[in-house]
Amino acid sequence: MKKDIHPAYEKTTISCHCGAVLEAGSTRKDITVEICSQCHPFFTGKQKLVDTAGRIERFRKKYEKFQTPQE
Protein backbone atom coordinates (compact mmCIF):
# COMPACT_ATOMS: atom_id res chain seq x y z
CA MET A 1 0.00 0.00 0.00
CA LYS A 2 1.18 3.47 -0.78
CA LYS A 3 1.68 5.87 2.11
CA ASP A 4 -0.29 9.07 2.61
CA ILE A 5 -3.03 8.38 0.03
CA HIS A 6 -5.61 6.60 2.19
CA PRO A 7 -8.12 8.48 4.36
CA ALA A 8 -7.91 8.12 8.13
CA TYR A 9 -9.92 5.13 9.40
CA GLU A 10 -11.23 5.69 12.89
CA LYS A 11 -14.11 4.78 15.21
CA THR A 12 -17.30 6.66 14.52
CA THR A 13 -20.79 6.92 15.95
CA ILE A 14 -23.81 6.02 13.80
CA SER A 15 -27.03 7.58 15.10
CA CYS A 16 -30.53 6.67 13.97
CA HIS A 17 -33.61 8.88 14.20
CA CYS A 18 -35.21 6.28 16.51
CA GLY A 19 -32.48 6.92 19.09
CA ALA A 20 -30.28 3.89 18.46
CA VAL A 21 -26.53 4.53 18.56
CA LEU A 22 -23.95 2.17 17.04
CA GLU A 23 -20.16 2.24 17.14
CA ALA A 24 -18.34 1.32 13.94
CA GLY A 25 -15.22 2.05 11.96
CA SER A 26 -15.38 4.54 9.11
CA THR A 27 -13.54 7.32 7.33
CA ARG A 28 -16.35 9.74 8.29
CA LYS A 29 -16.78 11.22 11.76
CA ASP A 30 -20.44 11.07 12.76
CA ILE A 31 -23.10 9.42 10.62
CA THR A 32 -26.86 9.94 10.95
CA VAL A 33 -29.28 7.48 9.33
CA GLU A 34 -33.05 7.60 9.00
CA ILE A 35 -33.73 3.92 9.64
CA CYS A 36 -31.79 1.06 11.24
CA SER A 37 -32.30 -2.60 12.11
CA GLN A 38 -33.95 -1.68 15.42
CA CYS A 39 -36.74 0.37 13.83
CA HIS A 40 -37.05 -1.11 10.31
CA PRO A 41 -40.39 -2.94 9.86
CA PHE A 42 -38.71 -6.02 8.36
CA PHE A 43 -36.58 -6.59 11.45
CA THR A 44 -39.23 -5.61 14.00
CA GLY A 45 -41.87 -7.96 12.54
CA LYS A 46 -44.31 -5.16 11.74
CA GLN A 47 -43.90 -5.46 7.98
CA LYS A 48 -47.11 -5.71 6.01
CA LEU A 49 -47.29 -7.14 2.52
CA VAL A 50 -49.34 -4.93 0.26
CA ASP A 51 -51.03 -6.65 -2.66
CA THR A 52 -51.49 -4.05 -5.35
CA ALA A 53 -53.93 -4.91 -8.13
CA GLY A 54 -54.21 -8.58 -7.12
CA ARG A 55 -50.70 -9.48 -8.22
CA ILE A 56 -50.43 -12.42 -5.85
CA GLU A 57 -53.71 -13.91 -7.09
CA ARG A 58 -52.67 -13.43 -10.73
CA PHE A 59 -49.37 -15.16 -10.02
CA ARG A 60 -51.06 -18.09 -8.27
CA LYS A 61 -53.62 -18.45 -11.07
CA LYS A 62 -50.90 -18.38 -13.73
CA TYR A 63 -48.81 -21.08 -12.05
CA GLU A 64 -51.51 -23.19 -10.38
CA LYS A 65 -51.23 -25.92 -13.04
CA PHE A 66 -47.63 -26.52 -11.93
CA GLN A 67 -48.70 -27.00 -8.30
CA THR A 68 -51.24 -29.77 -8.90
CA PRO A 69 -49.86 -33.27 -9.55
CA GLN A 70 -50.19 -34.23 -13.19
CA GLU A 71 -51.25 -37.79 -14.01
C-alpha atoms as a PDB file:
ATOM      1  CA  MET A   1       0.000   0.000   0.000  1.00  0.00           C
ATOM      2  CA  LYS A   2       1.176   3.471  -0.781  1.00  0.00           C
ATOM      3  CA  LYS A   3       1.683   5.866   2.111  1.00  0.00           C
ATOM      4  CA  ASP A   4      -0.291   9.074   2.614  1.00  0.00           C
ATOM      5  CA  ILE A   5      -3.031   8.384   0.026  1.00  0.00           C
ATOM      6  CA  HIS A   6      -5.608   6.603   2.187  1.00  0.00           C
ATOM      7  CA  PRO A   7      -8.124   8.483   4.355  1.00  0.00           C
ATOM      8  CA  ALA A   8      -7.912   8.116   8.127  1.00  0.00           C
ATOM      9  CA  TYR A   9      -9.925   5.132   9.397  1.00  0.00           C
ATOM     10  CA  GLU A  10     -11.234   5.688  12.893  1.00  0.00           C
ATOM     11  CA  LYS A  11     -14.108   4.780  15.214  1.00  0.00           C
ATOM     12  CA  THR A  12     -17.305   6.665  14.519  1.00  0.00           C
ATOM     13  CA  THR A  13     -20.794   6.917  15.947  1.00  0.00           C
ATOM     14  CA  ILE A  14     -23.810   6.022  13.801  1.00  0.00           C
ATOM     15  CA  SER A  15     -27.028   7.580  15.102  1.00  0.00           C
ATOM     16  CA  CYS A  16     -30.530   6.665  13.968  1.00  0.00           C
ATOM     17  CA  HIS A  17     -33.608   8.881  14.203  1.00  0.00           C
ATOM     18  CA  CYS A  18     -35.208   6.278  16.508  1.00  0.00           C
ATOM     19  CA  GLY A  19     -32.477   6.919  19.087  1.00  0.00           C
ATOM     20  CA  ALA A  20     -30.277   3.886  18.461  1.00  0.00           C
ATOM     21  CA  VAL A  21     -26.525   4.527  18.558  1.00  0.00           C
ATOM     22  CA  LEU A  22     -23.954   2.174  17.045  1.00  0.00           C
ATOM     23  CA  GLU A  23     -20.157   2.243  17.140  1.00  0.00           C
ATOM     24  CA  ALA A  24     -18.339   1.319  13.935  1.00  0.00           C
ATOM     25  CA  GLY A  25     -15.220   2.052  11.955  1.00  0.00           C
ATOM     26  CA  SER A  26     -15.378   4.543   9.107  1.00  0.00           C
ATOM     27  CA  THR A  27     -13.545   7.321   7.331  1.00  0.00           C
ATOM     28  CA  ARG A  28     -16.350   9.737   8.292  1.00  0.00           C
ATOM     29  CA  LYS A  29     -16.781  11.221  11.757  1.00  0.00           C
ATOM     30  CA  ASP A  30     -20.443  11.072  12.762  1.00  0.00           C
ATOM     31  CA  ILE A  31     -23.099   9.422  10.618  1.00  0.00           C
ATOM     32  CA  THR A  32     -26.856   9.936  10.948  1.00  0.00           C
ATOM     33  CA  VAL A  33     -29.276   7.484   9.327  1.00  0.00           C
ATOM     34  CA  GLU A  34     -33.053   7.599   8.999  1.00  0.00           C
ATOM     35  CA  ILE A  35     -33.727   3.917   9.637  1.00  0.00           C
ATOM     36  CA  CYS A  36     -31.786   1.065  11.243  1.00  0.00           C
ATOM     37  CA  SER A  37     -32.301  -2.597  12.109  1.00  0.00           C
ATOM     38  CA  GLN A  38     -33.954  -1.677  15.419  1.00  0.00           C
ATOM     39  CA  CYS A  39     -36.736   0.371  13.828  1.00  0.00           C
ATOM     40  CA  HIS A  40     -37.055  -1.105  10.313  1.00  0.00           C
ATOM     41  CA  PRO A  41     -40.392  -2.939   9.860  1.00  0.00           C
ATOM     42  CA  PHE A  42     -38.714  -6.020   8.357  1.00  0.00           C
ATOM     43  CA  PHE A  43     -36.581  -6.594  11.452  1.00  0.00           C
ATOM     44  CA  THR A  44     -39.231  -5.614  14.000  1.00  0.00           C
ATOM     45  CA  GLY A  45     -41.871  -7.957  12.543  1.00  0.00           C
ATOM     46  CA  LYS A  46     -44.310  -5.160  11.740  1.00  0.00           C
ATOM     47  CA  GLN A  47     -43.901  -5.458   7.981  1.00  0.00           C
ATOM     48  CA  LYS A  48     -47.108  -5.714   6.009  1.00  0.00           C
ATOM     49  CA  LEU A  49     -47.287  -7.136   2.517  1.00  0.00           C
ATOM     50  CA  VAL A  50     -49.343  -4.927   0.259  1.00  0.00           C
ATOM     51  CA  ASP A  51     -51.029  -6.651  -2.658  1.00  0.00           C
ATOM     52  CA  THR A  52     -51.491  -4.047  -5.348  1.00  0.00           C
ATOM     53  CA  ALA A  53     -53.930  -4.906  -8.132  1.00  0.00           C
ATOM     54  CA  GLY A  54     -54.210  -8.581  -7.124  1.00  0.00           C
ATOM     55  CA  ARG A  55     -50.696  -9.484  -8.224  1.00  0.00           C
ATOM     56  CA  ILE A  56     -50.428 -12.425  -5.849  1.00  0.00           C
ATOM     57  CA  GLU A  57     -53.714 -13.907  -7.089  1.00  0.00           C
ATOM     58  CA  ARG A  58     -52.674 -13.434 -10.726  1.00  0.00           C
ATOM     59  CA  PHE A  59     -49.367 -15.164 -10.019  1.00  0.00           C
ATOM     60  CA  ARG A  60     -51.062 -18.090  -8.272  1.00  0.00           C
ATOM     61  CA  LYS A  61     -53.625 -18.447 -11.068  1.00  0.00           C
ATOM     62  CA  LYS A  62     -50.900 -18.380 -13.726  1.00  0.00           C
ATOM     63  CA  TYR A  63     -48.813 -21.075 -12.049  1.00  0.00           C
ATOM     64  CA  GLU A  64     -51.514 -23.189 -10.382  1.00  0.00           C
ATOM     65  CA  LYS A  65     -51.226 -25.921 -13.040  1.00  0.00           C
ATOM     66  CA  PHE A  66     -47.634 -26.519 -11.930  1.00  0.00           C
ATOM     67  CA  GLN A  67     -48.699 -27.005  -8.298  1.00  0.00           C
ATOM     68  CA  THR A  68     -51.237 -29.772  -8.902  1.00  0.00           C
ATOM     69  CA  PRO A  69     -49.864 -33.268  -9.545  1.00  0.00           C
ATOM     70  CA  GLN A  70     -50.193 -34.232 -13.191  1.00  0.00           C
ATOM     71  CA  GLU A  71     -51.253 -37.788 -14.014  1.00  0.00           C
END
